[in-house]
Protein backbone atom coordinates (compact mmCIF):
# COMPACT_ATOMS: atom_id res chain seq x y z
CA MET A 1 0.00 0.00 0.00
CA ASP A 2 2.66 2.47 1.03
CA ASP A 3 6.17 1.59 -0.11
CA LYS A 4 7.62 4.55 1.75
CA LEU A 5 6.34 3.33 5.15
CA GLY A 6 6.46 -0.37 4.29
CA LEU A 7 2.75 -0.86 4.98
CA THR A 8 1.02 -3.69 3.26
CA GLU A 9 -2.70 -4.22 2.92
CA LYS A 10 -2.47 -7.27 5.18
CA LEU A 11 -0.72 -5.27 7.91
CA VAL A 12 -3.22 -2.40 7.65
CA ASP A 13 -6.12 -4.86 7.88
CA ALA A 14 -4.56 -6.45 10.96
CA LEU A 15 -4.09 -3.06 12.60
CA VAL A 16 -7.69 -2.05 11.88
CA GLN A 17 -8.97 -5.35 13.25
CA HIS A 18 -6.87 -4.94 16.40
CA LYS A 19 -8.15 -1.39 16.89
CA GLU A 20 -11.76 -2.56 16.55
CA SER A 21 -11.14 -5.40 19.00
CA TRP A 22 -9.53 -2.98 21.46
CA ALA A 23 -12.46 -0.55 21.16
CA THR A 24 -14.94 -3.37 21.86
CA ALA A 25 -12.93 -4.49 24.91
CA MET A 26 -12.84 -0.94 26.24
CA LYS A 27 -16.64 -0.63 25.93
CA GLU A 28 -17.12 -3.91 27.82
CA ASN A 29 -14.62 -2.81 30.49
CA LYS A 30 -16.46 0.49 30.93
CA LYS A 31 -19.74 -1.38 31.47
CA SER A 32 -18.07 -3.60 34.10
CA VAL A 33 -16.56 -0.62 35.91
CA GLU A 34 -19.92 1.17 35.96
CA LEU A 35 -21.63 -1.93 37.38
CA VAL A 36 -19.01 -2.29 40.12
CA ARG A 37 -19.32 1.41 40.95
CA ARG A 38 -23.13 1.18 41.23
CA GLU A 39 -22.95 -1.92 43.42
CA ALA A 40 -20.28 -0.38 45.66
CA ASN A 41 -22.33 2.79 46.05
CA TYR A 42 -25.38 0.71 46.96
CA TYR A 43 -23.69 -1.74 49.34
CA PHE A 44 -21.44 0.77 51.09
CA GLY A 45 -23.31 4.03 50.60
CA SER A 46 -26.65 3.25 52.21
CA THR A 47 -27.98 1.55 55.30
CA ARG A 48 -30.18 -0.76 53.28
CA GLY A 49 -27.25 -1.66 51.05
CA ASN A 50 -25.12 -2.41 54.13
CA LEU A 51 -27.78 -4.79 55.42
CA ASP A 52 -28.17 -6.45 52.02
CA PHE A 53 -24.39 -6.88 51.85
CA ILE A 54 -24.34 -8.57 55.25
CA ARG A 55 -27.22 -10.85 54.25
CA ARG A 56 -25.70 -11.70 50.89
CA PHE A 57 -22.07 -12.15 51.86
CA GLY A 58 -22.22 -12.70 55.61
CA GLY A 59 -22.04 -16.47 55.38
CA LEU A 60 -18.71 -16.57 53.56
């Protein structure tokens, strides 16, 4: 594709695919972080959440 930079079509395709895969992983990670943040706020930020936490995880 670009003799000056030594880029081939196969390399460019691989880079694009990796970028798309990385973007998808980042979206999934963001969803996980938001879920953890919501649960932490609930369990440790309210009396009801504290009680639910004790009920749910107290028997460990």
